[in-house]
Amino acid sequence: MSQVSWRAADELVHRVRQAAAQRGESMNEFITRVLDAATDPDLAGDENARLRERLRRAGLLWEPETPTTRPDPAAVTAAARRAAASGPLAADLIREERGRR
């Protein structure tokens, strides 16, 4: 996990502190949630949706140019097994290596 220093006007820090306290969160939790909502288009939920809409209206919402999707784990496993099965057998490699000695 990374740590980031943040410089901001005292008034903004005060407002962030108040907003976090109203939600029963630490400033770190609040700032992390705000930045997650601003940069992760897959976040869902009522409060996150409201926050994303506010950020969108303020022109602060980051939207990736192309949506990213995770590959299907079963497809990845199947492809890895096919690739592994196409190579030589370990026994053949060992026999070949022993024949070189």
C-alpha atoms as a PDB file:
ATOM      1  CA  MET A   1       0.000   0.000   0.000  1.00  0.00           C
ATOM      2  CA  SER A   2       1.292   3.438  -0.897  1.00  0.00           C
ATOM      3  CA  GLN A   3       1.283   6.592   1.154  1.00  0.00           C
ATOM      4  CA  VAL A   4       0.650  10.023  -0.374  1.00  0.00           C
ATOM      5  CA  SER A   5       1.212  13.494   1.043  1.00  0.00           C
ATOM      6  CA  TRP A   6      -1.454  16.057   0.205  1.00  0.00           C
ATOM      7  CA  ARG A   7      -1.123  19.844   0.238  1.00  0.00           C
ATOM      8  CA  ALA A   8      -4.332  21.864   0.318  1.00  0.00           C
ATOM      9  CA  ALA A   9      -5.730  25.129   1.585  1.00  0.00           C
ATOM     10  CA  ASP A  10      -6.623  25.110   5.279  1.00  0.00           C
ATOM     11  CA  GLU A  11     -10.295  25.741   4.463  1.00  0.00           C
ATOM     12  CA  LEU A  12     -10.446  22.704   2.178  1.00  0.00           C
ATOM     13  CA  VAL A  13      -8.775  20.499   4.778  1.00  0.00           C
ATOM     14  CA  HIS A  14     -11.303  21.759   7.324  1.00  0.00           C
ATOM     15  CA  ARG A  15     -14.230  20.901   5.011  1.00  0.00           C
ATOM     16  CA  VAL A  16     -12.794  17.452   4.260  1.00  0.00           C
ATOM     17  CA  ARG A  17     -12.298  16.818   7.977  1.00  0.00           C
ATOM     18  CA  GLN A  18     -15.913  17.861   8.649  1.00  0.00           C
ATOM     19  CA  ALA A  19     -17.294  15.743   5.806  1.00  0.00           C
ATOM     20  CA  ALA A  20     -15.368  12.710   7.053  1.00  0.00           C
ATOM     21  CA  ALA A  21     -16.535  13.250  10.630  1.00  0.00           C
ATOM     22  CA  GLN A  22     -20.169  13.533   9.502  1.00  0.00           C
ATOM     23  CA  ARG A  23     -19.837  10.101   7.928  1.00  0.00           C
ATOM     24  CA  GLY A  24     -17.974   8.631  10.890  1.00  0.00           C
ATOM     25  CA  GLU A  25     -14.839   8.143   8.788  1.00  0.00           C
ATOM     26  CA  SER A  26     -11.242   9.190   9.135  1.00  0.00           C
ATOM     27  CA  MET A  27      -9.917  11.753   6.676  1.00  0.00           C
ATOM     28  CA  ASN A  28      -7.895   8.973   5.066  1.00  0.00           C
ATOM     29  CA  GLU A  29     -10.989   6.807   4.565  1.00  0.00           C
ATOM     30  CA  PHE A  30     -12.953   9.748   3.173  1.00  0.00           C
ATOM     31  CA  ILE A  31     -10.230  10.902   0.764  1.00  0.00           C
ATOM     32  CA  THR A  32      -9.662   7.315  -0.401  1.00  0.00           C
ATOM     33  CA  ARG A  33     -13.396   6.841  -1.032  1.00  0.00           C
ATOM     34  CA  VAL A  34     -13.652  10.136  -2.934  1.00  0.00           C
ATOM     35  CA  LEU A  35     -10.654   9.308  -5.116  1.00  0.00           C
ATOM     36  CA  ASP A  36     -11.949   5.766  -5.713  1.00  0.00           C
ATOM     37  CA  ALA A  37     -15.320   7.152  -6.777  1.00  0.00           C
ATOM     38  CA  ALA A  38     -13.623   9.699  -9.033  1.00  0.00           C
ATOM     39  CA  THR A  39     -11.435   7.180 -10.843  1.00  0.00           C
ATOM     40  CA  ASP A  40     -13.194   3.776 -10.737  1.00  0.00           C
ATOM     41  CA  PRO A  41     -16.117   3.590 -13.181  1.00  0.00           C
ATOM     42  CA  ASP A  42     -17.151   0.203 -11.802  1.00  0.00           C
ATOM     43  CA  LEU A  43     -17.987   1.518  -8.335  1.00  0.00           C
ATOM     44  CA  ALA A  44     -21.648   1.126  -7.562  1.00  0.00           C
ATOM     45  CA  GLY A  45     -23.877   2.049  -4.666  1.00  0.00           C
ATOM     46  CA  ASP A  46     -26.128   4.885  -3.661  1.00  0.00           C
ATOM     47  CA  GLU A  47     -23.596   7.109  -1.901  1.00  0.00           C
ATOM     48  CA  ASN A  48     -20.890   6.406  -4.469  1.00  0.00           C
ATOM     49  CA  ALA A  49     -23.329   7.083  -7.306  1.00  0.00           C
ATOM     50  CA  ARG A  50     -24.237  10.451  -5.774  1.00  0.00           C
ATOM     51  CA  LEU A  51     -20.575  11.310  -5.288  1.00  0.00           C
ATOM     52  CA  ARG A  52     -19.708  10.290  -8.848  1.00  0.00           C
ATOM     53  CA  GLU A  53     -22.543  12.469 -10.161  1.00  0.00           C
ATOM     54  CA  ARG A  54     -21.296  15.473  -8.157  1.00  0.00           C
ATOM     55  CA  LEU A  55     -17.766  14.911  -9.465  1.00  0.00           C
ATOM     56  CA  ARG A  56     -19.102  14.538 -13.020  1.00  0.00           C
ATOM     57  CA  ARG A  57     -20.981  17.831 -12.762  1.00  0.00           C
ATOM     58  CA  ALA A  58     -17.876  19.551 -11.394  1.00  0.00           C
ATOM     59  CA  GLY A  59     -15.832  18.188 -14.304  1.00  0.00           C
ATOM     60  CA  LEU A  60     -13.632  16.179 -11.936  1.00  0.00           C
ATOM     61  CA  LEU A  61     -14.716  12.649 -12.782  1.00  0.00           C
ATOM     62  CA  TRP A  62     -12.075  10.629 -14.580  1.00  0.00           C
ATOM     63  CA  GLU A  63     -13.452   8.250 -17.190  1.00  0.00           C
ATOM     64  CA  PRO A  64     -11.096   5.772 -18.852  1.00  0.00           C
ATOM     65  CA  GLU A  65     -11.037   5.965 -22.643  1.00  0.00           C
ATOM     66  CA  THR A  66     -11.652   2.260 -23.009  1.00  0.00           C
ATOM     67  CA  PRO A  67     -13.390   0.200 -20.364  1.00  0.00           C
ATOM     68  CA  THR A  68     -11.267  -2.512 -18.850  1.00  0.00           C
ATOM     69  CA  THR A  69     -12.541  -5.985 -18.143  1.00  0.00           C
ATOM     70  CA  ARG A  70     -10.929  -8.879 -16.399  1.00  0.00           C
ATOM     71  CA  PRO A  71     -10.460 -12.065 -18.399  1.00  0.00           C
ATOM     72  CA  ASP A  72     -12.600 -15.049 -17.521  1.00  0.00           C
ATOM     73  CA  PRO A  73     -10.568 -17.154 -15.032  1.00  0.00           C
ATOM     74  CA  ALA A  74     -11.779 -20.404 -16.626  1.00  0.00           C
ATOM     75  CA  ALA A  75     -10.640 -19.203 -20.065  1.00  0.00           C
ATOM     76  CA  VAL A  76      -7.221 -18.221 -18.704  1.00  0.00           C
ATOM     77  CA  THR A  77      -6.830 -21.621 -17.033  1.00  0.00           C
ATOM     78  CA  ALA A  78      -7.887 -23.441 -20.199  1.00  0.00           C
ATOM     79  CA  ALA A  79      -5.441 -21.440 -22.339  1.00  0.00           C
ATOM     80  CA  ALA A  80      -2.601 -22.119 -19.885  1.00  0.00           C
ATOM     81  CA  ARG A  81      -3.360 -25.838 -19.923  1.00  0.00           C
ATOM     82  CA  ARG A  82      -3.410 -25.914 -23.736  1.00  0.00           C
ATOM     83  CA  ALA A  83      -0.073 -24.096 -23.871  1.00  0.00           C
ATOM     84  CA  ALA A  84       1.460 -26.400 -21.263  1.00  0.00           C
ATOM     85  CA  ALA A  85       0.215 -29.508 -23.090  1.00  0.00           C
ATOM     86  CA  SER A  86       1.764 -28.420 -26.398  1.00  0.00           C
ATOM     87  CA  GLY A  87       5.346 -28.546 -25.141  1.00  0.00           C
ATOM     88  CA  PRO A  88       7.675 -31.508 -24.755  1.00  0.00           C
ATOM     89  CA  LEU A  89       7.226 -33.961 -21.886  1.00  0.00           C
ATOM     90  CA  ALA A  90       9.522 -33.430 -18.920  1.00  0.00           C
ATOM     91  CA  ALA A  91      10.588 -37.102 -19.101  1.00  0.00           C
ATOM     92  CA  ASP A  92      11.733 -36.599 -22.697  1.00  0.00           C
ATOM     93  CA  LEU A  93      13.755 -33.516 -21.757  1.00  0.00           C
ATOM     94  CA  ILE A  94      15.423 -35.382 -18.880  1.00  0.00           C
ATOM     95  CA  ARG A  95      16.226 -38.384 -21.091  1.00  0.00           C
ATOM     96  CA  GLU A  96      17.688 -36.055 -23.737  1.00  0.00           C
ATOM     97  CA  GLU A  97      19.809 -34.198 -21.160  1.00  0.00           C
ATOM     98  CA  ARG A  98      21.123 -37.453 -19.695  1.00  0.00           C
ATOM     99  CA  GLY A  99      22.064 -38.642 -23.208  1.00  0.00           C
ATOM    100  CA  ARG A 100      24.311 -35.580 -23.661  1.00  0.00           C
ATOM    101  CA  ARG A 101      26.523 -36.437 -20.691  1.00  0.00           C
END
